């Protein structure tokens, strides 16, 4: 199994549960770390380009066009 996006999500969730465990706050932290882990894994896998995304957000052009 060579799916680094899935691995990133699993690692992110494991770290979230290791840092904070239980309750609504723990669930929200797990969700946040899962999203971050998935984004990092997708970046490493080449499915998304985070640099282009950040450049589009910070460029101030207001989107495409």
C-alpha atoms as a PDB file:
ATOM      1  CA  UNK A   1       0.000   0.000   0.000  1.00  0.00           C
ATOM      2  CA  UNK A   2       1.651   3.195  -1.191  1.00  0.00           C
ATOM      3  CA  UNK A   3      -0.918   5.881  -0.494  1.00  0.00           C
ATOM      4  CA  UNK A   4       0.764   8.762   1.311  1.00  0.00           C
ATOM      5  CA  UNK A   5      -2.424  10.851   1.461  1.00  0.00           C
ATOM      6  CA  UNK A   6      -4.115   8.163   3.525  1.00  0.00           C
ATOM      7  CA  UNK A   7      -0.967   7.780   5.603  1.00  0.00           C
ATOM      8  CA  UNK A   8      -0.893  11.538   6.211  1.00  0.00           C
ATOM      9  CA  UNK A   9      -4.481  11.492   7.453  1.00  0.00           C
ATOM     10  CA  UNK A  10      -3.786   8.541   9.754  1.00  0.00           C
ATOM     11  CA  UNK A  11      -0.648  10.159  11.181  1.00  0.00           C
ATOM     12  CA  UNK A  12      -2.466  13.454  11.674  1.00  0.00           C
ATOM     13  CA  UNK A  13      -5.294  11.750  13.509  1.00  0.00           C
ATOM     14  CA  UNK A  14      -2.902   9.724  15.643  1.00  0.00           C
ATOM     15  CA  UNK A  15      -1.011  12.882  16.638  1.00  0.00           C
ATOM     16  CA  UNK A  16      -4.238  14.659  17.476  1.00  0.00           C
ATOM     17  CA  UNK A  17      -5.358  11.824  19.734  1.00  0.00           C
ATOM     18  CA  UNK A  18      -1.924  11.727  21.340  1.00  0.00           C
ATOM     19  CA  UNK A  19      -2.022  15.478  22.078  1.00  0.00           C
ATOM     20  CA  UNK A  20      -5.644  15.859  23.174  1.00  0.00           C
ATOM     21  CA  UNK A  21      -8.008  13.041  23.999  1.00  0.00           C
ATOM     22  CA  UNK A  22     -11.735  13.252  24.557  1.00  0.00           C
ATOM     23  CA  UNK A  23     -14.669  15.596  24.278  1.00  0.00           C
ATOM     24  CA  UNK A  24     -15.743  17.956  21.524  1.00  0.00           C
ATOM     25  CA  UNK A  25     -12.431  19.816  21.638  1.00  0.00           C
ATOM     26  CA  UNK A  26     -10.571  16.553  21.087  1.00  0.00           C
ATOM     27  CA  UNK A  27     -12.784  15.753  18.109  1.00  0.00           C
ATOM     28  CA  UNK A  28     -12.178  19.182  16.577  1.00  0.00           C
ATOM     29  CA  UNK A  29      -8.414  18.884  17.101  1.00  0.00           C
ATOM     30  CA  UNK A  30      -8.487  15.431  15.493  1.00  0.00           C
ATOM     31  CA  UNK A  31     -10.416  16.829  12.544  1.00  0.00           C
ATOM     32  CA  UNK A  32      -7.944  19.709  12.136  1.00  0.00           C
ATOM     33  CA  UNK A  33      -4.883  17.472  12.314  1.00  0.00           C
ATOM     34  CA  UNK A  34      -6.526  14.992   9.932  1.00  0.00           C
ATOM     35  CA  UNK A  35      -7.088  17.748   7.375  1.00  0.00           C
ATOM     36  CA  UNK A  36      -3.513  19.001   7.757  1.00  0.00           C
ATOM     37  CA  UNK A  37      -2.124  15.478   7.479  1.00  0.00           C
ATOM     38  CA  UNK A  38      -4.217  14.792   4.396  1.00  0.00           C
ATOM     39  CA  UNK A  39      -3.063  18.016   2.739  1.00  0.00           C
ATOM     40  CA  UNK A  40       0.591  17.256   3.459  1.00  0.00           C
ATOM     41  CA  UNK A  41       0.200  13.696   2.195  1.00  0.00           C
ATOM     42  CA  UNK A  42      -1.526  14.886  -0.992  1.00  0.00           C
ATOM     43  CA  UNK A  43       1.253  17.443  -1.521  1.00  0.00           C
ATOM     44  CA  UNK A  44       3.919  14.767  -1.157  1.00  0.00           C
ATOM     45  CA  UNK A  45       2.007  12.490  -3.497  1.00  0.00           C
ATOM     46  CA  UNK A  46       1.688  15.219  -6.117  1.00  0.00           C
ATOM     47  CA  UNK A  47      -2.105  15.334  -6.125  1.00  0.00           C
ATOM     48  CA  UNK A  48      -2.263  19.011  -5.099  1.00  0.00           C
ATOM     49  CA  UNK A  49       0.111  21.981  -5.215  1.00  0.00           C
ATOM     50  CA  UNK A  50      -0.037  23.828  -1.901  1.00  0.00           C
ATOM     51  CA  UNK A  51       2.417  26.509  -3.067  1.00  0.00           C
ATOM     52  CA  UNK A  52       0.115  27.472  -5.953  1.00  0.00           C
ATOM     53  CA  UNK A  53      -2.856  27.519  -3.574  1.00  0.00           C
ATOM     54  CA  UNK A  54      -1.066  29.802  -1.104  1.00  0.00           C
ATOM     55  CA  UNK A  55       0.165  32.039  -3.931  1.00  0.00           C
ATOM     56  CA  UNK A  56      -3.397  32.411  -5.250  1.00  0.00           C
ATOM     57  CA  UNK A  57      -4.734  33.268  -1.812  1.00  0.00           C
ATOM     58  CA  UNK A  58      -2.020  35.803  -0.977  1.00  0.00           C
ATOM     59  CA  UNK A  59      -1.683  37.420  -4.421  1.00  0.00           C
ATOM     60  CA  UNK A  60      -4.571  39.819  -3.859  1.00  0.00           C
ATOM     61  CA  UNK A  61      -5.910  39.383  -7.404  1.00  0.00           C
ATOM     62  CA  UNK A  62      -9.238  38.116  -6.142  1.00  0.00           C
ATOM     63  CA  UNK A  63      -9.231  34.836  -8.027  1.00  0.00           C
ATOM     64  CA  UNK A  64      -8.937  33.890 -11.661  1.00  0.00           C
ATOM     65  CA  UNK A  65      -9.303  36.309 -14.499  1.00  0.00           C
END
